[in-house]
């Protein structure tokens, strides 16, 4: 049985469902549909991608949550925090996750083109980093993948309907 078929803890599923709701809000705002939830003790934070609306290349949901958690807790070490995110973290986010010493990451969709948990790179579980964390992959994977695919299909559709237009000289 692979990870995506394995039964997952009820809390993992519940937090990932909330992250999917946040991702839907992001999509409605024209953002790539990625949502995230961060839990650390009594702290519960939520974010969605905001790259387009800010505009800020670092405004990934994960980055926003790490910043907010550090501010709320008054520390940079988030060693009791669990991050739930709808898509495999990218290299930037994986670096921040390791730097902030998160305890655990739980994600849905894999990202073979840019993911940093074995998708395109293997940073989160690399033995070469200075921090080890628990990673649970594939929670609600098909729902998270479908959400991303629908978004990008809709983004491409208007271009496909217009067809190719040669530039005028």
N, C-alpha and C. Protein backbone atom coordinates (compact mmCIF):
# COMPACT_ATOMS: atom_id res chain seq x y z
N UNK A 1 0.85 -1.18 0.00
CA UNK A 1 0.00 0.00 0.00
C UNK A 1 0.90 1.24 0.00
N UNK A 2 0.69 2.19 -0.95
CA UNK A 2 1.49 3.41 -0.94
C UNK A 2 0.87 4.45 -0.01
N UNK A 3 1.59 5.57 0.20
CA UNK A 3 1.13 6.57 1.16
C UNK A 3 -0.25 7.11 0.84
N UNK A 4 -0.54 7.33 -0.45
CA UNK A 4 -1.82 7.92 -0.80
C UNK A 4 -2.99 6.97 -0.54
N UNK A 5 -2.71 5.66 -0.42
CA UNK A 5 -3.76 4.69 -0.13
C UNK A 5 -3.86 4.38 1.36
N UNK A 6 -2.85 4.77 2.11
CA UNK A 6 -2.82 4.47 3.54
C UNK A 6 -3.88 5.28 4.27
N UNK A 7 -4.45 4.70 5.32
CA UNK A 7 -5.38 5.49 6.12
C UNK A 7 -4.63 6.61 6.84
N UNK A 8 -5.24 7.75 6.91
CA UNK A 8 -4.59 8.89 7.54
C UNK A 8 -5.36 9.30 8.80
N UNK A 9 -4.66 9.91 9.72
CA UNK A 9 -5.27 10.37 10.95
C UNK A 9 -6.40 11.35 10.66
N UNK A 10 -7.44 11.28 11.46
CA UNK A 10 -8.62 12.13 11.27
C UNK A 10 -8.23 13.61 11.30
N UNK A 11 -7.32 14.01 12.18
CA UNK A 11 -6.88 15.40 12.24
C UNK A 11 -6.20 15.82 10.95
N UNK A 12 -5.38 14.94 10.40
CA UNK A 12 -4.70 15.25 9.14
C UNK A 12 -5.73 15.52 8.04
N UNK A 13 -6.72 14.65 7.95
CA UNK A 13 -7.75 14.81 6.93
C UNK A 13 -8.54 16.09 7.16
N UNK A 14 -8.93 16.36 8.39
CA UNK A 14 -9.71 17.56 8.69
C UNK A 14 -8.93 18.84 8.36
N UNK A 15 -7.67 18.89 8.73
CA UNK A 15 -6.88 20.10 8.45
C UNK A 15 -6.60 20.24 6.95
N UNK A 16 -6.41 19.12 6.27
CA UNK A 16 -6.20 19.17 4.81
C UNK A 16 -7.49 19.61 4.11
N UNK A 17 -8.64 19.18 4.61
CA UNK A 17 -9.92 19.64 4.04
C UNK A 17 -10.05 21.16 4.17
N UNK A 18 -9.67 21.68 5.32
CA UNK A 18 -9.72 23.13 5.52
C UNK A 18 -8.75 23.82 4.56
N UNK A 19 -7.57 23.25 4.38
CA UNK A 19 -6.59 23.81 3.45
C UNK A 19 -7.14 23.81 2.02
N UNK A 20 -7.88 22.77 1.65
CA UNK A 20 -8.51 22.72 0.32
C UNK A 20 -9.56 23.83 0.17
N UNK A 21 -10.29 24.12 1.24
CA UNK A 21 -11.25 25.23 1.21
C UNK A 21 -10.52 26.56 0.98
N UNK A 22 -9.41 26.74 1.67
CA UNK A 22 -8.61 27.96 1.50
C UNK A 22 -8.05 28.04 0.08
N UNK A 23 -7.67 26.91 -0.47
CA UNK A 23 -7.16 26.86 -1.84
C UNK A 23 -8.25 27.28 -2.82
N UNK A 24 -9.49 26.88 -2.56
CA UNK A 24 -10.61 27.28 -3.43
C UNK A 24 -10.81 28.79 -3.38
N UNK A 25 -10.62 29.39 -2.22
CA UNK A 25 -10.71 30.85 -2.10
C UNK A 25 -9.58 31.50 -2.91
N UNK A 26 -8.39 30.93 -2.83
CA UNK A 26 -7.26 31.44 -3.60
C UNK A 26 -7.58 31.41 -5.09
N UNK A 27 -8.12 30.31 -5.57
CA UNK A 27 -8.46 30.18 -6.99
C UNK A 27 -9.48 31.23 -7.40
N UNK A 28 -10.47 31.47 -6.56
CA UNK A 28 -11.49 32.47 -6.85
C UNK A 28 -10.90 33.87 -6.94
N UNK A 29 -9.76 34.08 -6.29
CA UNK A 29 -9.06 35.37 -6.33
C UNK A 29 -8.01 35.43 -7.44
N UNK A 30 -7.94 34.38 -8.27
CA UNK A 30 -6.97 34.35 -9.35
C UNK A 30 -5.60 33.85 -8.96
N UNK A 31 -5.49 33.31 -7.77
CA UNK A 31 -4.23 32.75 -7.28
C UNK A 31 -4.17 31.26 -7.58
N UNK A 32 -2.97 30.71 -7.68
CA UNK A 32 -2.84 29.26 -7.78
C UNK A 32 -3.47 28.68 -6.51
N UNK A 33 -4.35 27.68 -6.65
CA UNK A 33 -5.10 27.17 -5.50
C UNK A 33 -4.27 26.32 -4.54
N UNK A 34 -3.59 27.01 -3.66
CA UNK A 34 -2.85 26.33 -2.60
C UNK A 34 -3.26 26.97 -1.29
N UNK A 35 -3.69 26.12 -0.36
CA UNK A 35 -4.07 26.57 0.97
C UNK A 35 -3.27 25.83 2.00
N UNK A 36 -3.16 26.43 3.19
CA UNK A 36 -2.36 25.81 4.24
C UNK A 36 -2.90 26.17 5.62
N UNK A 37 -2.64 25.28 6.55
CA UNK A 37 -3.01 25.46 7.96
C UNK A 37 -1.78 25.11 8.77
N UNK A 38 -1.51 25.91 9.80
CA UNK A 38 -0.39 25.63 10.70
C UNK A 38 -0.94 25.54 12.11
N UNK A 39 -0.60 24.44 12.79
CA UNK A 39 -1.03 24.20 14.17
C UNK A 39 0.21 24.06 15.04
N UNK A 40 0.23 24.80 16.14
CA UNK A 40 1.32 24.68 17.11
C UNK A 40 0.74 24.95 18.49
N UNK A 41 0.54 23.89 19.26
CA UNK A 41 -0.11 24.05 20.56
C UNK A 41 -1.50 24.61 20.34
N UNK A 42 -1.81 25.72 21.00
CA UNK A 42 -3.12 26.36 20.83
C UNK A 42 -3.20 27.29 19.64
N UNK A 43 -2.11 27.48 18.94
CA UNK A 43 -2.08 28.39 17.78
C UNK A 43 -2.63 27.68 16.55
N UNK A 44 -3.55 28.33 15.87
CA UNK A 44 -4.14 27.80 14.63
C UNK A 44 -4.14 28.95 13.63
N UNK A 45 -3.33 28.82 12.58
CA UNK A 45 -3.24 29.85 11.56
C UNK A 45 -3.60 29.27 10.21
N UNK A 46 -4.11 30.12 9.33
CA UNK A 46 -4.51 29.69 7.99
C UNK A 46 -4.03 30.70 6.97
N UNK A 47 -3.72 30.21 5.76
CA UNK A 47 -3.30 31.11 4.68
C UNK A 47 -3.57 30.45 3.34
N UNK A 48 -3.57 31.27 2.33
CA UNK A 48 -3.68 30.81 0.95
C UNK A 48 -2.59 31.53 0.17
N UNK A 49 -2.32 31.06 -1.02
CA UNK A 49 -1.34 31.75 -1.86
C UNK A 49 -1.79 33.19 -2.10
N UNK A 50 -0.83 34.12 -2.10
CA UNK A 50 -1.13 35.53 -2.33
C UNK A 50 -0.10 36.17 -3.25
N UNK A 51 0.58 35.36 -4.08
CA UNK A 51 1.63 35.89 -4.96
C UNK A 51 1.10 36.96 -5.91
N UNK A 52 -0.04 36.73 -6.50
CA UNK A 52 -0.60 37.66 -7.48
C UNK A 52 -1.14 38.91 -6.82
N UNK A 53 -1.86 38.75 -5.73
CA UNK A 53 -2.52 39.89 -5.10
C UNK A 53 -1.55 40.82 -4.37
N UNK A 54 -0.41 40.33 -3.92
CA UNK A 54 0.49 41.20 -3.15
C UNK A 54 1.28 42.19 -4.00
N UNK A 55 1.80 42.06 -5.13
CA UNK A 55 2.50 40.93 -5.74
C UNK A 55 3.83 40.69 -5.03
N UNK A 56 4.08 39.41 -4.78
CA UNK A 56 5.27 39.02 -4.02
C UNK A 56 5.57 37.56 -4.34
N UNK A 57 6.69 37.31 -4.95
CA UNK A 57 7.07 35.94 -5.34
C UNK A 57 7.20 35.00 -4.15
N UNK A 58 7.40 35.54 -2.96
CA UNK A 58 7.56 34.70 -1.78
C UNK A 58 6.24 34.51 -1.02
N UNK A 59 5.15 35.02 -1.52
CA UNK A 59 3.87 34.95 -0.80
C UNK A 59 3.15 33.62 -1.02
N UNK A 60 3.89 32.53 -0.86
CA UNK A 60 3.30 31.19 -0.87
C UNK A 60 2.59 31.01 0.48
N UNK A 61 1.55 30.19 0.50
CA UNK A 61 0.80 29.97 1.73
C UNK A 61 1.72 29.51 2.87
N UNK A 62 2.65 28.62 2.58
CA UNK A 62 3.55 28.11 3.61
C UNK A 62 4.42 29.22 4.19
N UNK A 63 4.96 30.06 3.33
CA UNK A 63 5.83 31.16 3.78
C UNK A 63 5.06 32.14 4.65
N UNK A 64 3.84 32.46 4.23
CA UNK A 64 3.01 33.38 5.01
C UNK A 64 2.75 32.82 6.40
N UNK A 65 2.46 31.53 6.48
CA UNK A 65 2.18 30.92 7.78
C UNK A 65 3.41 30.86 8.68
N UNK A 66 4.54 30.53 8.12
CA UNK A 66 5.77 30.49 8.92
C UNK A 66 6.05 31.86 9.50
N UNK A 67 5.94 32.91 8.68
CA UNK A 67 6.16 34.28 9.18
C UNK A 67 5.17 34.62 10.30
N UNK A 68 3.89 34.34 10.07
CA UNK A 68 2.85 34.66 11.06
C UNK A 68 3.06 33.89 12.36
N UNK A 69 3.43 32.62 12.25
CA UNK A 69 3.64 31.80 13.45
C UNK A 69 4.83 32.32 14.25
N UNK A 70 5.91 32.68 13.58
CA UNK A 70 7.08 33.23 14.29
C UNK A 70 6.71 34.53 15.01
N UNK A 71 5.95 35.37 14.33
CA UNK A 71 5.50 36.63 14.96
C UNK A 71 4.59 36.35 16.15
N UNK A 72 3.62 35.46 15.99
CA UNK A 72 2.65 35.18 17.05
C UNK A 72 3.31 34.55 18.27
N UNK A 73 4.27 33.67 18.03
CA UNK A 73 4.91 32.97 19.13
C UNK A 73 6.15 33.68 19.66
N UNK A 74 6.66 34.64 18.90
CA UNK A 74 7.84 35.39 19.33
C UNK A 74 9.13 34.59 19.28
N UNK A 75 9.16 33.55 18.43
CA UNK A 75 10.35 32.72 18.26
C UNK A 75 10.48 32.35 16.80
N UNK A 76 11.68 31.97 16.40
CA UNK A 76 11.85 31.51 15.02
C UNK A 76 11.82 29.99 14.92
N UNK A 77 12.01 29.31 16.05
CA UNK A 77 11.96 27.84 16.07
C UNK A 77 10.52 27.40 16.28
N UNK A 78 9.98 26.73 15.29
CA UNK A 78 8.60 26.24 15.36
C UNK A 78 8.60 24.73 15.55
N UNK A 79 9.35 24.28 16.55
CA UNK A 79 9.62 22.86 16.72
C UNK A 79 8.41 22.03 17.17
N UNK A 80 7.31 22.65 17.49
CA UNK A 80 6.08 21.92 17.83
C UNK A 80 5.02 22.08 16.76
N UNK A 81 5.33 22.75 15.67
CA UNK A 81 4.34 23.08 14.64
C UNK A 81 4.19 21.98 13.59
N UNK A 82 2.95 21.83 13.17
CA UNK A 82 2.63 20.98 12.03
C UNK A 82 2.02 21.86 10.95
N UNK A 83 2.51 21.72 9.74
CA UNK A 83 2.03 22.47 8.60
C UNK A 83 1.26 21.52 7.69
N UNK A 84 0.04 21.89 7.36
CA UNK A 84 -0.81 21.14 6.43
C UNK A 84 -0.94 21.98 5.18
N UNK A 85 -0.60 21.43 4.03
CA UNK A 85 -0.65 22.19 2.78
C UNK A 85 -1.15 21.30 1.66
N UNK A 86 -1.86 21.91 0.72
CA UNK A 86 -2.53 21.13 -0.31
C UNK A 86 -1.58 20.57 -1.36
N UNK A 87 -0.39 21.15 -1.51
CA UNK A 87 0.56 20.69 -2.53
C UNK A 87 1.94 20.54 -1.92
N UNK A 88 2.69 19.60 -2.43
CA UNK A 88 4.07 19.37 -2.00
C UNK A 88 4.83 20.69 -2.00
N UNK A 89 5.46 21.05 -0.89
CA UNK A 89 6.19 22.32 -0.84
C UNK A 89 7.30 22.42 -1.89
N UNK A 90 7.50 23.64 -2.38
CA UNK A 90 8.57 23.92 -3.34
C UNK A 90 9.90 24.05 -2.60
N UNK A 91 10.95 24.29 -3.34
CA UNK A 91 12.29 24.41 -2.76
C UNK A 91 12.35 25.57 -1.75
N UNK A 92 11.79 26.72 -2.11
CA UNK A 92 11.81 27.87 -1.20
C UNK A 92 11.11 27.53 0.10
N UNK A 93 9.92 26.97 0.00
CA UNK A 93 9.14 26.65 1.19
C UNK A 93 9.80 25.55 2.01
N UNK A 94 10.37 24.55 1.34
CA UNK A 94 11.07 23.48 2.05
C UNK A 94 12.25 24.06 2.84
N UNK A 95 12.97 24.99 2.24
CA UNK A 95 14.08 25.63 2.95
C UNK A 95 13.59 26.37 4.19
N UNK A 96 12.49 27.08 4.06
CA UNK A 96 11.93 27.80 5.21
C UNK A 96 11.41 26.84 6.27
N UNK A 97 10.82 25.73 5.85
CA UNK A 97 10.32 24.72 6.79
C UNK A 97 11.48 24.16 7.61
N UNK A 98 12.58 23.87 6.95
CA UNK A 98 13.75 23.35 7.64
C UNK A 98 14.37 24.42 8.54
N UNK A 99 14.49 25.63 8.02
CA UNK A 99 15.08 26.73 8.81
C UNK A 99 14.27 27.03 10.06
N UNK A 100 12.94 26.90 9.97
CA UNK A 100 12.07 27.17 11.11
C UNK A 100 11.93 25.96 12.03
N UNK A 101 12.53 24.85 11.65
CA UNK A 101 12.56 23.63 12.47
C UNK A 101 11.16 23.07 12.74
N UNK A 102 10.28 23.11 11.73
CA UNK A 102 8.95 22.54 11.93
C UNK A 102 9.05 21.08 12.31
N UNK A 103 8.10 20.64 13.11
CA UNK A 103 8.07 19.25 13.56
C UNK A 103 7.56 18.33 12.45
N UNK A 104 6.57 18.84 11.69
CA UNK A 104 5.88 17.93 10.77
C UNK A 104 5.26 18.71 9.61
N UNK A 105 5.23 18.08 8.44
CA UNK A 105 4.54 18.61 7.26
C UNK A 105 3.63 17.52 6.73
N UNK A 106 2.40 17.90 6.42
CA UNK A 106 1.42 16.99 5.84
C UNK A 106 0.92 17.66 4.56
N UNK A 107 1.00 16.96 3.43
CA UNK A 107 0.52 17.58 2.20
C UNK A 107 -0.28 16.61 1.35
N UNK A 108 -1.01 17.20 0.39
CA UNK A 108 -1.88 16.42 -0.47
C UNK A 108 -1.23 16.04 -1.78
N UNK A 109 -1.30 16.96 -2.76
CA UNK A 109 -0.83 16.66 -4.13
C UNK A 109 0.68 16.68 -4.22
N UNK A 110 1.19 15.75 -4.99
CA UNK A 110 2.62 15.74 -5.28
C UNK A 110 2.89 16.72 -6.42
N UNK A 111 4.13 17.21 -6.50
CA UNK A 111 4.50 18.16 -7.55
C UNK A 111 5.77 17.69 -8.22
N UNK A 112 5.62 16.91 -9.31
CA UNK A 112 6.81 16.36 -9.98
C UNK A 112 7.68 17.41 -10.66
N UNK A 113 7.15 18.60 -10.90
CA UNK A 113 7.93 19.64 -11.59
C UNK A 113 8.64 20.60 -10.63
N UNK A 114 8.16 20.72 -9.40
CA UNK A 114 8.78 21.68 -8.50
C UNK A 114 8.78 21.29 -7.04
N UNK A 115 8.28 20.12 -6.73
CA UNK A 115 8.19 19.70 -5.33
C UNK A 115 9.54 19.37 -4.73
N UNK A 116 9.64 19.59 -3.41
CA UNK A 116 10.91 19.38 -2.71
C UNK A 116 10.85 18.23 -1.71
N UNK A 117 9.90 17.31 -1.93
CA UNK A 117 9.84 16.09 -1.13
C UNK A 117 9.92 14.88 -2.05
N UNK A 118 10.83 14.97 -3.00
CA UNK A 118 11.01 13.88 -3.95
C UNK A 118 10.36 14.13 -5.29
N UNK A 119 9.55 15.19 -5.40
CA UNK A 119 8.92 15.52 -6.67
C UNK A 119 9.98 15.83 -7.71
N UNK A 120 10.55 17.02 -7.63
CA UNK A 120 11.66 17.41 -8.50
C UNK A 120 12.97 17.39 -7.72
N UNK A 121 12.87 17.62 -6.43
CA UNK A 121 14.03 17.69 -5.54
C UNK A 121 13.70 16.89 -4.28
N UNK A 122 14.72 16.58 -3.49
CA UNK A 122 14.48 15.84 -2.25
C UNK A 122 15.15 16.60 -1.10
N UNK A 123 14.47 17.63 -0.64
CA UNK A 123 15.03 18.48 0.40
C UNK A 123 14.45 18.15 1.77
N UNK A 124 13.13 17.98 1.85
CA UNK A 124 12.49 17.79 3.15
C UNK A 124 13.02 16.56 3.89
N UNK A 125 13.36 15.52 3.16
CA UNK A 125 13.84 14.29 3.81
C UNK A 125 15.33 14.06 3.59
N UNK A 126 16.02 15.05 3.11
CA UNK A 126 17.45 14.89 2.82
C UNK A 126 18.26 14.68 4.09
N UNK A 127 19.17 13.73 4.06
CA UNK A 127 20.05 13.53 5.22
C UNK A 127 21.12 14.62 5.33
N UNK A 128 21.19 15.50 4.34
CA UNK A 128 22.22 16.54 4.32
C UNK A 128 21.78 17.84 4.98
N UNK A 129 20.53 17.94 5.42
CA UNK A 129 20.08 19.17 6.08
C UNK A 129 20.35 19.08 7.57
N UNK A 130 20.24 20.22 8.23
CA UNK A 130 20.54 20.27 9.67
C UNK A 130 19.31 20.03 10.54
N UNK A 131 18.21 19.58 9.93
CA UNK A 131 16.99 19.34 10.70
C UNK A 131 16.21 18.19 10.08
N UNK A 132 15.69 17.32 10.90
CA UNK A 132 14.86 16.21 10.44
C UNK A 132 13.43 16.48 10.89
N UNK A 133 12.50 16.24 10.01
CA UNK A 133 11.10 16.42 10.35
C UNK A 133 10.30 15.25 9.81
N UNK A 134 9.11 15.10 10.33
CA UNK A 134 8.21 14.06 9.86
C UNK A 134 7.43 14.61 8.67
N UNK A 135 7.30 13.81 7.62
CA UNK A 135 6.54 14.20 6.43
C UNK A 135 5.50 13.13 6.15
N UNK A 136 4.26 13.57 5.98
CA UNK A 136 3.17 12.68 5.58
C UNK A 136 2.66 13.19 4.25
N UNK A 137 2.84 12.40 3.22
CA UNK A 137 2.46 12.80 1.86
C UNK A 137 1.20 12.08 1.41
N UNK A 138 0.46 12.71 0.50
CA UNK A 138 -0.65 12.05 -0.15
C UNK A 138 -1.97 12.06 0.59
N UNK A 139 -2.13 12.91 1.60
CA UNK A 139 -3.41 13.01 2.29
C UNK A 139 -4.38 13.77 1.39
N UNK A 140 -5.50 13.16 1.06
CA UNK A 140 -6.48 13.74 0.12
C UNK A 140 -5.82 14.09 -1.21
N UNK A 141 -4.90 13.26 -1.62
CA UNK A 141 -4.09 13.53 -2.82
C UNK A 141 -4.93 13.74 -4.07
N UNK A 142 -5.90 12.88 -4.31
CA UNK A 142 -6.68 13.02 -5.56
C UNK A 142 -7.49 14.30 -5.56
N UNK A 143 -8.06 14.68 -4.41
CA UNK A 143 -8.82 15.93 -4.35
C UNK A 143 -7.92 17.14 -4.58
N UNK A 144 -6.76 17.13 -3.96
CA UNK A 144 -5.83 18.25 -4.11
C UNK A 144 -5.31 18.33 -5.55
N UNK A 145 -4.98 17.19 -6.14
CA UNK A 145 -4.51 17.17 -7.53
C UNK A 145 -5.60 17.64 -8.48
N UNK A 146 -6.82 17.16 -8.28
CA UNK A 146 -7.94 17.56 -9.13
C UNK A 146 -8.17 19.06 -9.07
N UNK A 147 -8.08 19.63 -7.87
CA UNK A 147 -8.29 21.07 -7.70
C UNK A 147 -7.26 21.87 -8.51
N UNK A 148 -6.01 21.47 -8.44
CA UNK A 148 -4.95 22.14 -9.19
C UNK A 148 -5.15 21.95 -10.70
N UNK A 149 -5.46 20.74 -11.12
CA UNK A 149 -5.66 20.48 -12.55
C UNK A 149 -6.82 21.27 -13.12
N UNK A 150 -7.93 21.35 -12.39
CA UNK A 150 -9.08 22.15 -12.85
C UNK A 150 -8.70 23.61 -13.02
N UNK A 151 -7.95 24.13 -12.07
CA UNK A 151 -7.54 25.54 -12.12
C UNK A 151 -6.70 25.81 -13.37
N UNK A 152 -5.69 24.99 -13.61
CA UNK A 152 -4.80 25.23 -14.75
C UNK A 152 -5.49 24.94 -16.08
N UNK A 153 -6.39 23.98 -16.09
CA UNK A 153 -7.17 23.72 -17.30
C UNK A 153 -8.02 24.94 -17.65
N UNK A 154 -8.65 25.53 -16.65
CA UNK A 154 -9.48 26.72 -16.87
C UNK A 154 -8.62 27.91 -17.31
N UNK A 155 -7.44 28.02 -16.77
CA UNK A 155 -6.52 29.11 -17.17
C UNK A 155 -6.12 28.98 -18.63
N UNK A 156 -5.89 27.75 -19.09
CA UNK A 156 -5.46 27.51 -20.46
C UNK A 156 -6.61 27.59 -21.46
N UNK A 157 -7.82 27.31 -21.04
CA UNK A 157 -8.96 27.21 -21.94
C UNK A 157 -9.17 28.46 -22.80
N UNK A 158 -9.19 29.67 -22.24
CA UNK A 158 -9.42 30.84 -23.09
C UNK A 158 -8.37 30.97 -24.19
N UNK A 159 -7.13 30.63 -23.91
CA UNK A 159 -6.06 30.70 -24.90
C UNK A 159 -6.33 29.69 -26.01
N UNK A 160 -6.73 28.48 -25.64
CA UNK A 160 -7.00 27.44 -26.63
C UNK A 160 -8.19 27.81 -27.50
N UNK A 161 -9.22 28.45 -26.92
CA UNK A 161 -10.40 28.82 -27.69
C UNK A 161 -10.10 29.93 -28.70
N UNK A 162 -9.22 30.85 -28.33
CA UNK A 162 -8.87 31.95 -29.24
C UNK A 162 -8.06 31.44 -30.41
N UNK A 163 -7.31 30.39 -30.19
CA UNK A 163 -6.45 29.86 -31.24
C UNK A 163 -5.21 30.70 -31.39
N UNK A 164 -4.37 30.30 -32.32
CA UNK A 164 -3.12 31.00 -32.55
C UNK A 164 -3.35 32.20 -33.44
N UNK A 165 -2.83 33.33 -33.01
CA UNK A 165 -2.90 34.54 -33.84
C UNK A 165 -1.47 35.01 -34.13
N UNK A 166 -1.16 35.11 -35.40
CA UNK A 166 0.18 35.55 -35.79
C UNK A 166 0.35 37.01 -35.40
N UNK A 167 1.52 37.36 -34.87
CA UNK A 167 1.75 38.76 -34.52
C UNK A 167 1.80 39.63 -35.79
N UNK A 168 1.30 40.85 -35.66
CA UNK A 168 1.36 41.77 -36.79
C UNK A 168 2.67 42.52 -36.75
N UNK A 169 3.22 42.74 -37.90
CA UNK A 169 4.51 43.45 -37.99
C UNK A 169 4.30 44.87 -38.41
